[in-house]
């Protein structure tokens, strides 16, 4: 009888260990394998914050020329209405290929901004879900829109959480409700009536800077 009880206990212990290890392994595999460290101190420096928006943040592109120019003309870049530096999806492709259709007044719909994102950077590709793995040395971003008003991007950092930088505001890893972002699709994206990013457009894989250069441009 004691032998049977001991055997049952051994089997139960093995079962628990196997399942626990499987859980740990799954959790490890779900963590992104990229080098994109969440470093808000870099993006929230005075002249960087004023000249870089969600698009450049998602691409992890720091534009030193814009930073220097803002430093020399801070009065201009400190006001949203006169700030000429923030990049817009599709403008790089338009400038390099003379495609005015990309610079027409936007309707801020998913289809439009998916096209503009991929037009600027053909090395970026769309994936089905947050669980879809990216190629080696790529990381995920997510695109959302406030129909008729605006667009916005999030990026997944090496810690597995998501961060973003809305216009001239500081970079953060929290949503509109002040919660850490584990999935932008489920995050609170209602900032106010005029900035309600209600439409989730999907996830994309972006090459790290050391792998392939990414491109952006402002009007």
N, C-alpha and C. Protein backbone atom coordinates (compact mmCIF):
# COMPACT_ATOMS: atom_id res chain seq x y z
N UNK A 1 0.82 -1.20 0.00
CA UNK A 1 0.00 0.00 0.00
C UNK A 1 0.86 1.26 0.00
N UNK A 2 1.91 1.24 0.85
CA UNK A 2 2.80 2.39 0.92
C UNK A 2 3.49 2.61 -0.42
N UNK A 3 3.85 1.51 -1.08
CA UNK A 3 4.52 1.61 -2.38
C UNK A 3 3.61 2.27 -3.42
N UNK A 4 2.32 1.94 -3.36
CA UNK A 4 1.34 2.49 -4.31
C UNK A 4 1.18 3.99 -4.08
N UNK A 5 1.07 4.36 -2.80
CA UNK A 5 0.93 5.78 -2.46
C UNK A 5 2.16 6.56 -2.90
N UNK A 6 3.35 5.96 -2.66
CA UNK A 6 4.60 6.60 -3.05
C UNK A 6 4.66 6.78 -4.56
N UNK A 7 4.21 5.76 -5.30
CA UNK A 7 4.21 5.82 -6.77
C UNK A 7 3.28 6.91 -7.27
N UNK A 8 2.10 7.01 -6.63
CA UNK A 8 1.13 8.04 -7.01
C UNK A 8 1.72 9.43 -6.77
N UNK A 9 2.40 9.59 -5.63
CA UNK A 9 3.02 10.87 -5.31
C UNK A 9 4.11 11.24 -6.31
N UNK A 10 4.91 10.25 -6.70
CA UNK A 10 5.97 10.47 -7.68
C UNK A 10 5.37 10.90 -9.02
N UNK A 11 4.30 10.18 -9.44
CA UNK A 11 3.64 10.51 -10.71
C UNK A 11 3.07 11.92 -10.66
N UNK A 12 2.43 12.27 -9.52
CA UNK A 12 1.86 13.61 -9.35
C UNK A 12 2.94 14.68 -9.39
N UNK A 13 4.08 14.40 -8.74
CA UNK A 13 5.19 15.35 -8.73
C UNK A 13 5.75 15.58 -10.12
N UNK A 14 5.92 14.49 -10.87
CA UNK A 14 6.43 14.58 -12.25
C UNK A 14 5.46 15.39 -13.11
N UNK A 15 4.16 15.13 -12.92
CA UNK A 15 3.13 15.85 -13.68
C UNK A 15 3.20 17.35 -13.44
N UNK A 16 3.33 17.72 -12.15
CA UNK A 16 3.40 19.14 -11.80
C UNK A 16 4.65 19.80 -12.35
N UNK A 17 5.77 19.10 -12.28
CA UNK A 17 7.04 19.65 -12.78
C UNK A 17 6.99 19.86 -14.28
N UNK A 18 6.46 18.87 -14.98
CA UNK A 18 6.39 18.95 -16.44
C UNK A 18 5.50 20.11 -16.86
N UNK A 19 4.32 20.23 -16.22
CA UNK A 19 3.40 21.30 -16.58
C UNK A 19 3.94 22.66 -16.21
N UNK A 20 4.62 22.75 -15.07
CA UNK A 20 5.21 24.02 -14.65
C UNK A 20 6.31 24.44 -15.60
N UNK A 21 7.14 23.47 -16.00
CA UNK A 21 8.22 23.78 -16.94
C UNK A 21 7.67 24.19 -18.30
N UNK A 22 6.56 23.53 -18.69
CA UNK A 22 5.93 23.87 -19.96
C UNK A 22 5.43 25.31 -19.92
N UNK A 23 4.84 25.68 -18.78
CA UNK A 23 4.35 27.05 -18.62
C UNK A 23 5.49 28.05 -18.70
N UNK A 24 6.58 27.74 -17.99
CA UNK A 24 7.75 28.62 -17.99
C UNK A 24 8.33 28.73 -19.40
N UNK A 25 8.39 27.61 -20.10
CA UNK A 25 8.94 27.60 -21.45
C UNK A 25 8.07 28.43 -22.37
N UNK A 26 6.72 28.28 -22.25
CA UNK A 26 5.82 29.05 -23.09
C UNK A 26 5.96 30.54 -22.81
N UNK A 27 6.08 30.88 -21.54
CA UNK A 27 6.24 32.29 -21.17
C UNK A 27 7.53 32.85 -21.74
N UNK A 28 8.59 32.04 -21.70
CA UNK A 28 9.88 32.48 -22.24
C UNK A 28 9.80 32.67 -23.74
N UNK A 29 9.14 31.74 -24.41
CA UNK A 29 9.02 31.83 -25.86
C UNK A 29 8.17 33.01 -26.30
N UNK A 30 7.21 33.42 -25.44
CA UNK A 30 6.36 34.54 -25.78
C UNK A 30 7.10 35.88 -25.67
N UNK A 31 8.17 35.90 -24.91
CA UNK A 31 8.93 37.14 -24.75
C UNK A 31 9.67 37.43 -26.05
N UNK A 32 9.56 38.65 -26.57
CA UNK A 32 10.21 38.97 -27.85
C UNK A 32 11.73 38.86 -27.76
N UNK A 33 12.30 38.41 -28.86
CA UNK A 33 13.76 38.26 -28.91
C UNK A 33 14.35 39.44 -29.70
N UNK A 34 14.15 40.65 -29.19
CA UNK A 34 14.72 41.81 -29.86
C UNK A 34 15.57 42.62 -28.88
N UNK A 35 16.30 43.59 -29.42
CA UNK A 35 17.22 44.39 -28.60
C UNK A 35 16.66 45.77 -28.28
N UNK A 36 15.39 45.96 -28.54
CA UNK A 36 14.78 47.27 -28.41
C UNK A 36 14.47 47.57 -26.94
N UNK A 37 15.38 48.21 -26.27
CA UNK A 37 15.23 48.50 -24.84
C UNK A 37 14.34 49.74 -24.65
N UNK A 38 13.45 49.66 -23.67
CA UNK A 38 12.60 50.80 -23.33
C UNK A 38 13.44 51.83 -22.59
N UNK A 39 13.71 52.96 -23.26
CA UNK A 39 14.58 53.99 -22.71
C UNK A 39 13.92 55.37 -22.85
N UNK A 40 12.90 55.65 -22.04
CA UNK A 40 12.20 56.93 -22.17
C UNK A 40 13.09 58.14 -21.93
N UNK A 41 14.14 58.00 -21.14
CA UNK A 41 15.02 59.15 -20.87
C UNK A 41 15.66 59.70 -22.13
N UNK A 42 15.91 58.83 -23.10
CA UNK A 42 16.49 59.26 -24.37
C UNK A 42 15.47 60.07 -25.18
N UNK A 43 14.26 59.52 -25.26
CA UNK A 43 13.22 60.15 -26.08
C UNK A 43 12.58 61.36 -25.42
N UNK A 44 12.72 61.48 -24.11
CA UNK A 44 12.09 62.59 -23.41
C UNK A 44 13.04 63.75 -23.13
N UNK A 45 14.21 63.71 -23.75
CA UNK A 45 15.09 64.87 -23.69
C UNK A 45 14.43 66.01 -24.44
N UNK A 46 14.67 67.21 -23.99
CA UNK A 46 13.95 68.39 -24.46
C UNK A 46 13.78 68.45 -25.98
N UNK A 47 14.87 68.41 -26.73
CA UNK A 47 14.80 68.63 -28.17
C UNK A 47 14.40 67.37 -28.94
N UNK A 48 14.57 66.22 -28.33
CA UNK A 48 14.12 64.97 -28.95
C UNK A 48 12.60 64.87 -28.82
N UNK A 49 12.10 65.15 -27.65
CA UNK A 49 10.66 65.06 -27.41
C UNK A 49 9.88 65.99 -28.34
N UNK A 50 10.43 67.17 -28.61
CA UNK A 50 9.72 68.15 -29.43
C UNK A 50 9.71 67.78 -30.92
N UNK A 51 10.67 66.98 -31.36
CA UNK A 51 10.82 66.75 -32.80
C UNK A 51 10.48 65.32 -33.25
N UNK A 52 10.20 64.44 -32.33
CA UNK A 52 9.94 63.04 -32.71
C UNK A 52 8.55 62.61 -32.25
N UNK A 53 7.83 61.96 -33.15
CA UNK A 53 6.48 61.53 -32.84
C UNK A 53 6.37 60.00 -32.78
N UNK A 54 5.15 59.50 -32.78
CA UNK A 54 4.92 58.06 -32.63
C UNK A 54 5.51 57.25 -33.78
N UNK A 55 5.54 57.81 -34.98
CA UNK A 55 6.06 57.09 -36.15
C UNK A 55 7.56 56.87 -36.02
N UNK A 56 8.29 57.93 -35.71
CA UNK A 56 9.74 57.80 -35.53
C UNK A 56 10.07 56.93 -34.32
N UNK A 57 9.26 57.04 -33.28
CA UNK A 57 9.48 56.22 -32.09
C UNK A 57 9.28 54.74 -32.42
N UNK A 58 8.23 54.44 -33.17
CA UNK A 58 7.96 53.06 -33.56
C UNK A 58 9.09 52.49 -34.42
N UNK A 59 9.65 53.34 -35.28
CA UNK A 59 10.76 52.91 -36.14
C UNK A 59 12.10 52.94 -35.41
N UNK A 60 12.10 53.51 -34.21
CA UNK A 60 13.33 53.68 -33.41
C UNK A 60 14.36 54.53 -34.15
N UNK A 61 13.87 55.57 -34.81
CA UNK A 61 14.72 56.46 -35.61
C UNK A 61 14.90 57.81 -34.92
N UNK A 62 16.12 58.07 -34.50
CA UNK A 62 16.45 59.39 -33.95
C UNK A 62 17.08 60.23 -35.06
N UNK A 63 16.52 61.41 -35.28
CA UNK A 63 16.98 62.29 -36.36
C UNK A 63 17.81 63.42 -35.76
N UNK A 64 19.13 63.29 -35.82
CA UNK A 64 20.02 64.27 -35.19
C UNK A 64 19.92 65.63 -35.86
N UNK A 65 19.66 65.66 -37.14
CA UNK A 65 19.54 66.94 -37.84
C UNK A 65 18.35 67.74 -37.31
N UNK A 66 17.23 67.06 -37.08
CA UNK A 66 16.05 67.74 -36.53
C UNK A 66 16.30 68.19 -35.09
N UNK A 67 17.00 67.36 -34.34
CA UNK A 67 17.31 67.70 -32.95
C UNK A 67 18.14 68.99 -32.90
N UNK A 68 19.16 69.05 -33.74
CA UNK A 68 20.03 70.24 -33.79
C UNK A 68 19.26 71.47 -34.24
N UNK A 69 18.40 71.29 -35.23
CA UNK A 69 17.63 72.41 -35.76
C UNK A 69 16.66 72.94 -34.72
N UNK A 70 16.04 72.03 -33.97
CA UNK A 70 15.12 72.45 -32.91
C UNK A 70 15.85 73.21 -31.82
N UNK A 71 17.05 72.77 -31.52
CA UNK A 71 17.85 73.44 -30.51
C UNK A 71 18.14 74.89 -30.91
N UNK A 72 18.33 75.10 -32.21
CA UNK A 72 18.63 76.44 -32.71
C UNK A 72 17.37 77.28 -32.97
N UNK A 73 16.21 76.59 -33.07
CA UNK A 73 14.95 77.29 -33.35
C UNK A 73 13.84 76.77 -32.42
N UNK A 74 14.12 76.78 -31.13
CA UNK A 74 13.21 76.15 -30.19
C UNK A 74 11.83 76.81 -30.16
N UNK A 75 11.78 78.11 -30.39
CA UNK A 75 10.50 78.81 -30.38
C UNK A 75 9.55 78.22 -31.41
N UNK A 76 10.10 77.82 -32.55
CA UNK A 76 9.30 77.26 -33.63
C UNK A 76 8.86 75.83 -33.31
N UNK A 77 9.79 75.01 -32.83
CA UNK A 77 9.46 73.60 -32.63
C UNK A 77 8.75 73.33 -31.31
N UNK A 78 8.57 74.37 -30.48
CA UNK A 78 7.91 74.20 -29.19
C UNK A 78 6.40 74.39 -29.28
N UNK A 79 5.92 74.80 -30.45
CA UNK A 79 4.50 75.02 -30.65
C UNK A 79 3.97 74.00 -31.65
N UNK A 80 2.96 73.27 -31.27
CA UNK A 80 2.45 72.19 -32.11
C UNK A 80 2.05 72.65 -33.50
N UNK A 81 1.39 73.79 -33.60
CA UNK A 81 0.88 74.26 -34.89
C UNK A 81 1.98 74.68 -35.86
N UNK A 82 3.16 75.03 -35.33
CA UNK A 82 4.26 75.46 -36.21
C UNK A 82 5.41 74.45 -36.25
N UNK A 83 5.24 73.35 -35.55
CA UNK A 83 6.31 72.35 -35.50
C UNK A 83 6.42 71.63 -36.85
N UNK A 84 7.55 71.78 -37.56
CA UNK A 84 7.68 71.19 -38.89
C UNK A 84 8.37 69.83 -38.91
N UNK A 85 8.69 69.28 -37.75
CA UNK A 85 9.59 68.14 -37.71
C UNK A 85 8.93 66.76 -37.66
N UNK A 86 7.74 66.68 -37.14
CA UNK A 86 7.14 65.37 -36.93
C UNK A 86 6.83 64.67 -38.25
N UNK A 87 7.32 63.47 -38.38
CA UNK A 87 7.19 62.72 -39.62
C UNK A 87 5.79 62.16 -39.81
N UNK A 88 5.43 61.95 -41.07
CA UNK A 88 4.12 61.39 -41.39
C UNK A 88 4.28 60.20 -42.33
N UNK A 89 3.60 59.10 -42.05
CA UNK A 89 3.69 57.92 -42.90
C UNK A 89 3.32 58.24 -44.34
N UNK A 90 4.11 57.72 -45.27
CA UNK A 90 3.84 57.91 -46.69
C UNK A 90 4.61 59.05 -47.32
N UNK A 91 5.11 59.99 -46.53
CA UNK A 91 5.81 61.15 -47.08
C UNK A 91 7.19 60.78 -47.63
N UNK A 92 7.85 59.82 -47.04
CA UNK A 92 9.16 59.43 -47.58
C UNK A 92 8.98 58.85 -48.98
N UNK A 93 7.99 57.98 -49.14
CA UNK A 93 7.72 57.37 -50.44
C UNK A 93 7.31 58.44 -51.46
N UNK A 94 6.49 59.39 -51.03
CA UNK A 94 6.03 60.45 -51.93
C UNK A 94 7.19 61.30 -52.42
N UNK A 95 8.10 61.63 -51.51
CA UNK A 95 9.24 62.47 -51.87
C UNK A 95 10.20 61.75 -52.81
N UNK A 96 10.39 60.46 -52.58
CA UNK A 96 11.37 59.72 -53.37
C UNK A 96 10.81 59.20 -54.69
N UNK A 97 9.46 59.13 -54.80
CA UNK A 97 8.86 58.58 -56.01
C UNK A 97 7.81 59.48 -56.67
N UNK A 98 7.69 60.73 -56.18
CA UNK A 98 6.74 61.68 -56.73
C UNK A 98 5.33 61.11 -56.79
N UNK A 99 4.84 60.65 -55.65
CA UNK A 99 3.49 60.08 -55.59
C UNK A 99 2.59 60.99 -54.77
N UNK A 100 1.96 61.97 -55.39
CA UNK A 100 1.12 62.92 -54.64
C UNK A 100 -0.07 62.27 -53.95
N UNK A 101 -0.50 61.08 -54.43
CA UNK A 101 -1.67 60.43 -53.83
C UNK A 101 -1.41 60.08 -52.36
N UNK A 102 -0.16 59.94 -51.98
CA UNK A 102 0.15 59.62 -50.60
C UNK A 102 0.07 60.85 -49.69
N UNK A 103 0.11 62.02 -50.27
CA UNK A 103 0.11 63.24 -49.47
C UNK A 103 -1.23 63.99 -49.54
N UNK A 104 -2.24 63.38 -50.16
CA UNK A 104 -3.57 63.99 -50.17
C UNK A 104 -4.11 64.04 -48.75
N UNK A 105 -5.11 64.87 -48.53
CA UNK A 105 -5.70 64.98 -47.20
C UNK A 105 -6.14 63.60 -46.71
N UNK A 106 -5.59 63.14 -45.61
CA UNK A 106 -5.88 61.78 -45.14
C UNK A 106 -7.27 61.63 -44.54
N UNK A 107 -7.78 60.40 -44.62
CA UNK A 107 -9.07 60.09 -43.99
C UNK A 107 -8.86 59.34 -42.67
N UNK A 108 -7.60 59.01 -42.42
CA UNK A 108 -7.21 58.33 -41.17
C UNK A 108 -7.97 57.02 -40.98
N UNK A 109 -7.91 56.20 -42.01
CA UNK A 109 -8.50 54.86 -41.92
C UNK A 109 -7.38 53.82 -41.98
N UNK A 110 -7.66 52.65 -41.44
CA UNK A 110 -6.63 51.61 -41.34
C UNK A 110 -6.00 51.28 -42.69
N UNK A 111 -6.80 51.03 -43.70
CA UNK A 111 -6.29 50.62 -45.01
C UNK A 111 -5.30 51.65 -45.55
N UNK A 112 -5.62 52.91 -45.36
CA UNK A 112 -4.78 54.01 -45.84
C UNK A 112 -3.42 54.02 -45.14
N UNK A 113 -3.42 53.84 -43.82
CA UNK A 113 -2.16 53.94 -43.08
C UNK A 113 -1.35 52.64 -43.09
N UNK A 114 -2.01 51.55 -43.33
CA UNK A 114 -1.26 50.30 -43.57
C UNK A 114 -0.47 50.46 -44.86
N UNK A 115 -1.12 50.99 -45.88
CA UNK A 115 -0.45 51.21 -47.17
C UNK A 115 0.72 52.18 -47.03
N UNK A 116 0.51 53.28 -46.32
CA UNK A 116 1.57 54.29 -46.16
C UNK A 116 2.75 53.75 -45.37
N UNK A 117 2.47 52.95 -44.34
CA UNK A 117 3.53 52.37 -43.54
C UNK A 117 4.42 51.47 -44.39
N UNK A 118 3.79 50.61 -45.17
CA UNK A 118 4.54 49.67 -46.00
C UNK A 118 5.17 50.35 -47.22
N UNK A 119 4.57 51.45 -47.67
CA UNK A 119 5.13 52.19 -48.82
C UNK A 119 6.46 52.84 -48.44
N UNK A 120 6.53 53.41 -47.24
CA UNK A 120 7.78 54.02 -46.77
C UNK A 120 8.88 52.98 -46.56
N UNK A 121 8.48 51.84 -46.04
CA UNK A 121 9.46 50.81 -45.65
C UNK A 121 9.00 49.41 -46.10
N UNK A 122 9.35 49.00 -47.30
CA UNK A 122 8.95 47.68 -47.79
C UNK A 122 9.51 46.52 -46.96
N UNK A 123 10.53 46.79 -46.14
CA UNK A 123 11.09 45.73 -45.30
C UNK A 123 10.18 45.42 -44.11
N UNK A 124 9.24 46.31 -43.82
CA UNK A 124 8.25 46.06 -42.77
C UNK A 124 7.17 45.14 -43.34
N UNK A 125 6.70 44.21 -42.55
CA UNK A 125 5.63 43.33 -43.03
C UNK A 125 4.59 43.10 -41.94
N UNK A 126 3.36 42.87 -42.37
CA UNK A 126 2.23 42.69 -41.46
C UNK A 126 2.16 41.25 -40.99
N UNK A 127 1.75 41.04 -39.73
CA UNK A 127 1.56 39.69 -39.20
C UNK A 127 0.13 39.55 -38.67
N UNK A 128 -0.30 38.31 -38.51
CA UNK A 128 -1.71 38.05 -38.17
C UNK A 128 -2.08 38.47 -36.76
N UNK A 129 -1.20 38.22 -35.79
CA UNK A 129 -1.58 38.48 -34.41
C UNK A 129 -0.36 38.81 -33.56
N UNK A 130 -0.59 39.14 -32.31
CA UNK A 130 0.49 39.45 -31.38
C UNK A 130 1.34 38.21 -31.13
N UNK A 131 0.77 37.03 -31.36
CA UNK A 131 1.49 35.78 -31.13
C UNK A 131 2.38 35.39 -32.32
N UNK A 132 2.16 36.01 -33.46
CA UNK A 132 2.95 35.68 -34.66
C UNK A 132 4.40 36.11 -34.47
N UNK A 133 5.35 35.20 -34.63
CA UNK A 133 6.76 35.57 -34.44
C UNK A 133 7.29 36.42 -35.58
N UNK A 134 8.21 37.31 -35.26
CA UNK A 134 8.91 38.10 -36.28
C UNK A 134 10.19 37.38 -36.68
N UNK A 135 10.72 37.75 -37.83
CA UNK A 135 12.02 37.22 -38.25
C UNK A 135 13.11 37.66 -37.28
N UNK A 136 14.23 37.00 -37.34
CA UNK A 136 15.35 37.35 -36.48
C UNK A 136 15.75 38.81 -36.68
N UNK A 137 16.01 39.50 -35.57
CA UNK A 137 16.41 40.91 -35.57
C UNK A 137 15.29 41.85 -36.05
N UNK A 138 14.06 41.43 -35.87
CA UNK A 138 12.90 42.26 -36.12
C UNK A 138 12.11 42.40 -34.82
N UNK A 139 11.30 43.43 -34.70
CA UNK A 139 10.44 43.61 -33.53
C UNK A 139 9.05 44.03 -34.01
N UNK A 140 8.08 43.99 -33.11
CA UNK A 140 6.70 44.29 -33.48
C UNK A 140 6.32 45.74 -33.19
N UNK A 141 5.47 46.27 -34.07
CA UNK A 141 4.79 47.53 -33.81
C UNK A 141 3.30 47.29 -34.06
N UNK A 142 2.47 48.20 -33.59
CA UNK A 142 1.03 48.11 -33.83
C UNK A 142 0.52 49.47 -34.29
N UNK A 143 -0.46 49.46 -35.18
CA UNK A 143 -1.02 50.67 -35.75
C UNK A 143 -2.50 50.80 -35.37
N UNK A 144 -2.90 52.00 -34.97
CA UNK A 144 -4.31 52.28 -34.67
C UNK A 144 -4.67 53.62 -35.32
N UNK A 145 -5.96 53.85 -35.50
CA UNK A 145 -6.41 55.14 -36.02
C UNK A 145 -7.62 55.66 -35.25
N UNK A 146 -7.73 56.97 -35.24
CA UNK A 146 -8.95 57.66 -34.80
C UNK A 146 -9.59 58.13 -36.09
N UNK A 147 -10.56 57.39 -36.62
CA UNK A 147 -11.11 57.66 -37.96
C UNK A 147 -11.46 59.13 -38.19
N UNK A 148 -10.89 59.65 -39.29
CA UNK A 148 -11.15 61.03 -39.65
C UNK A 148 -10.32 62.05 -38.90
N UNK A 149 -9.47 61.58 -37.95
CA UNK A 149 -8.75 62.53 -37.11
C UNK A 149 -7.25 62.30 -36.99
N UNK A 150 -6.82 61.05 -36.74
CA UNK A 150 -5.40 60.85 -36.44
C UNK A 150 -5.02 59.38 -36.56
N UNK A 151 -3.73 59.12 -36.45
CA UNK A 151 -3.17 57.76 -36.44
C UNK A 151 -2.22 57.67 -35.25
N UNK A 152 -1.82 56.45 -34.90
CA UNK A 152 -0.89 56.29 -33.80
C UNK A 152 -0.23 54.92 -33.89
N UNK A 153 1.03 54.86 -33.40
CA UNK A 153 1.79 53.60 -33.40
C UNK A 153 2.25 53.26 -31.98
N UNK A 154 2.36 51.96 -31.73
CA UNK A 154 2.97 51.43 -30.50
C UNK A 154 4.10 50.50 -30.93
N UNK A 155 5.06 50.25 -30.05
CA UNK A 155 6.12 49.30 -30.36
C UNK A 155 6.33 48.36 -29.17
N UNK A 156 6.75 47.15 -29.45
CA UNK A 156 7.02 46.19 -28.38
C UNK A 156 8.51 46.19 -28.07
N UNK A 157 8.84 46.41 -26.81
CA UNK A 157 10.23 46.46 -26.39
C UNK A 157 10.71 45.08 -25.94
N UNK A 158 11.99 44.97 -25.66
CA UNK A 158 12.60 43.68 -25.33
C UNK A 158 12.07 43.08 -24.02
N UNK A 159 11.44 43.90 -23.18
CA UNK A 159 10.88 43.39 -21.93
C UNK A 159 9.50 42.77 -22.13
N UNK A 160 8.99 42.81 -23.37
CA UNK A 160 7.70 42.21 -23.67
C UNK A 160 6.53 43.18 -23.61
N UNK A 161 6.72 44.32 -22.95
CA UNK A 161 5.66 45.32 -22.85
C UNK A 161 5.74 46.27 -24.05
N UNK A 162 4.69 47.08 -24.20
CA UNK A 162 4.60 48.00 -25.32
C UNK A 162 4.73 49.44 -24.84
N UNK A 163 5.31 50.28 -25.68
CA UNK A 163 5.47 51.69 -25.36
C UNK A 163 5.12 52.53 -26.58
N UNK A 164 5.00 53.84 -26.38
CA UNK A 164 4.62 54.72 -27.48
C UNK A 164 4.95 56.16 -27.12
N UNK A 165 4.91 57.03 -28.14
CA UNK A 165 5.17 58.46 -27.92
C UNK A 165 4.19 59.24 -28.78
N UNK A 166 3.26 59.89 -28.15
CA UNK A 166 2.19 60.58 -28.86
C UNK A 166 2.59 62.02 -29.16
N UNK A 167 2.93 62.29 -30.43
CA UNK A 167 3.28 63.64 -30.84
C UNK A 167 4.44 64.22 -30.05
N UNK A 168 4.24 65.40 -29.47
CA UNK A 168 5.29 66.08 -28.72
C UNK A 168 5.30 65.67 -27.24
N UNK A 169 4.48 64.71 -26.87
CA UNK A 169 4.40 64.28 -25.47
C UNK A 169 5.51 63.27 -25.15
N UNK A 170 5.76 63.00 -23.87
CA UNK A 170 6.82 62.06 -23.49
C UNK A 170 6.52 60.63 -23.90
N UNK A 171 7.55 59.85 -24.11
CA UNK A 171 7.42 58.41 -24.35
C UNK A 171 6.96 57.74 -23.06
N UNK A 172 6.08 56.75 -23.19
CA UNK A 172 5.55 56.06 -22.02
C UNK A 172 5.19 54.62 -22.37
N UNK A 173 5.09 53.77 -21.36
CA UNK A 173 4.64 52.39 -21.56
C UNK A 173 3.25 52.18 -20.96
N UNK A 174 2.52 53.29 -20.78
CA UNK A 174 1.18 53.21 -20.20
C UNK A 174 0.12 53.68 -21.19
N UNK A 175 -1.10 53.16 -21.01
CA UNK A 175 -2.20 53.54 -21.89
C UNK A 175 -2.95 54.76 -21.36
N UNK A 176 -4.09 55.06 -21.95
CA UNK A 176 -4.85 56.24 -21.56
C UNK A 176 -5.38 56.15 -20.14
N UNK A 177 -5.47 54.94 -19.62
CA UNK A 177 -5.95 54.73 -18.25
C UNK A 177 -4.80 54.62 -17.25
N UNK A 178 -3.56 54.82 -17.73
CA UNK A 178 -2.40 54.77 -16.85
C UNK A 178 -1.93 53.37 -16.53
N UNK A 179 -2.35 52.38 -17.32
CA UNK A 179 -1.95 51.00 -17.09
C UNK A 179 -0.83 50.58 -18.04
N UNK A 180 0.07 49.72 -17.55
CA UNK A 180 1.14 49.18 -18.39
C UNK A 180 0.53 48.45 -19.58
N UNK A 181 1.09 48.66 -20.76
CA UNK A 181 0.52 48.07 -21.97
C UNK A 181 1.12 46.69 -22.25
N UNK A 182 0.29 45.67 -22.14
CA UNK A 182 0.71 44.30 -22.47
C UNK A 182 0.29 43.93 -23.89
N UNK A 183 -0.74 44.61 -24.40
CA UNK A 183 -1.20 44.40 -25.76
C UNK A 183 -1.96 45.65 -26.18
N UNK A 184 -1.47 46.39 -27.18
CA UNK A 184 -2.14 47.63 -27.57
C UNK A 184 -3.57 47.42 -28.06
N UNK A 185 -3.86 46.21 -28.52
CA UNK A 185 -5.22 45.92 -28.98
C UNK A 185 -6.22 46.00 -27.83
N UNK A 186 -5.77 45.61 -26.64
CA UNK A 186 -6.64 45.61 -25.46
C UNK A 186 -6.46 46.85 -24.59
N UNK A 187 -5.52 47.70 -24.94
CA UNK A 187 -5.22 48.88 -24.12
C UNK A 187 -6.31 49.94 -24.24
N UNK A 188 -6.39 50.81 -23.25
CA UNK A 188 -7.31 51.95 -23.30
C UNK A 188 -6.70 52.98 -24.24
N UNK A 189 -7.38 53.25 -25.35
CA UNK A 189 -6.86 54.18 -26.36
C UNK A 189 -7.74 55.42 -26.51
N UNK A 190 -8.61 55.64 -25.53
CA UNK A 190 -9.49 56.81 -25.54
C UNK A 190 -8.86 57.91 -24.70
N UNK A 191 -8.27 58.89 -25.38
CA UNK A 191 -7.61 60.00 -24.69
C UNK A 191 -8.55 61.18 -24.50
N UNK A 192 -9.39 61.40 -25.46
CA UNK A 192 -10.47 62.39 -25.39
C UNK A 192 -11.33 62.16 -26.64
N UNK A 193 -12.44 62.88 -26.73
CA UNK A 193 -13.37 62.65 -27.83
C UNK A 193 -12.72 62.82 -29.20
N UNK A 194 -11.78 63.76 -29.30
CA UNK A 194 -11.12 64.01 -30.59
C UNK A 194 -9.89 63.12 -30.80
N UNK A 195 -9.53 62.36 -29.79
CA UNK A 195 -8.38 61.46 -29.91
C UNK A 195 -8.75 60.09 -29.34
N UNK A 196 -9.73 59.49 -29.99
CA UNK A 196 -10.17 58.16 -29.62
C UNK A 196 -9.70 57.19 -30.69
N UNK A 197 -8.59 56.49 -30.42
CA UNK A 197 -8.02 55.57 -31.41
C UNK A 197 -8.77 54.24 -31.36
N UNK A 198 -9.99 54.28 -31.86
CA UNK A 198 -10.91 53.15 -31.73
C UNK A 198 -10.61 52.00 -32.69
N UNK A 199 -9.99 52.30 -33.83
CA UNK A 199 -9.76 51.26 -34.84
C UNK A 199 -8.37 50.65 -34.71
N UNK A 200 -8.34 49.36 -34.46
CA UNK A 200 -7.05 48.65 -34.38
C UNK A 200 -6.73 48.08 -35.76
N UNK A 201 -5.60 48.48 -36.32
CA UNK A 201 -5.26 48.15 -37.71
C UNK A 201 -4.36 46.93 -37.85
N UNK A 202 -3.70 46.49 -36.76
CA UNK A 202 -2.89 45.28 -36.85
C UNK A 202 -1.47 45.44 -36.35
N UNK A 203 -0.77 44.30 -36.40
CA UNK A 203 0.62 44.21 -35.94
C UNK A 203 1.55 44.09 -37.14
N UNK A 204 2.77 44.62 -36.98
CA UNK A 204 3.76 44.60 -38.05
C UNK A 204 5.13 44.25 -37.46
N UNK A 205 6.00 43.70 -38.29
CA UNK A 205 7.37 43.42 -37.88
C UNK A 205 8.30 44.41 -38.56
N UNK A 206 9.19 45.01 -37.77
CA UNK A 206 10.09 46.07 -38.23
C UNK A 206 11.53 45.65 -37.99
N UNK A 207 12.42 45.85 -38.97
CA UNK A 207 13.83 45.48 -38.75
C UNK A 207 14.51 46.39 -37.75
N UNK A 208 15.33 45.83 -36.90
CA UNK A 208 16.14 46.64 -35.99
C UNK A 208 17.12 47.47 -36.82
N UNK A 209 17.54 48.59 -36.30
CA UNK A 209 18.39 49.51 -37.06
C UNK A 209 19.68 48.87 -37.55
N UNK A 210 20.21 47.94 -36.77
CA UNK A 210 21.46 47.27 -37.15
C UNK A 210 21.25 46.29 -38.30
N UNK A 211 19.99 45.92 -38.53
CA UNK A 211 19.67 44.94 -39.58
C UNK A 211 19.39 45.62 -40.92
N UNK A 212 18.44 46.57 -40.89
CA UNK A 212 18.10 47.33 -42.09
C UNK A 212 17.69 48.74 -41.69
N UNK A 213 18.04 49.70 -42.50
CA UNK A 213 17.67 51.09 -42.22
C UNK A 213 16.18 51.27 -42.48
N UNK A 214 15.53 52.03 -41.61
CA UNK A 214 14.13 52.38 -41.84
C UNK A 214 14.06 53.85 -42.20
N UNK A 215 12.97 54.22 -42.92
CA UNK A 215 12.88 55.57 -43.49
C UNK A 215 11.62 56.31 -43.05
N UNK A 216 11.77 57.60 -42.83
CA UNK A 216 10.63 58.44 -42.48
C UNK A 216 10.92 59.84 -43.05
N UNK A 217 9.88 60.63 -43.16
CA UNK A 217 10.06 62.00 -43.67
C UNK A 217 8.89 62.86 -43.20
N UNK A 218 9.16 64.15 -43.02
CA UNK A 218 8.11 65.09 -42.70
C UNK A 218 7.92 66.04 -43.85
N UNK A 219 6.73 66.62 -44.00
CA UNK A 219 6.45 67.51 -45.14
C UNK A 219 7.40 68.71 -45.19
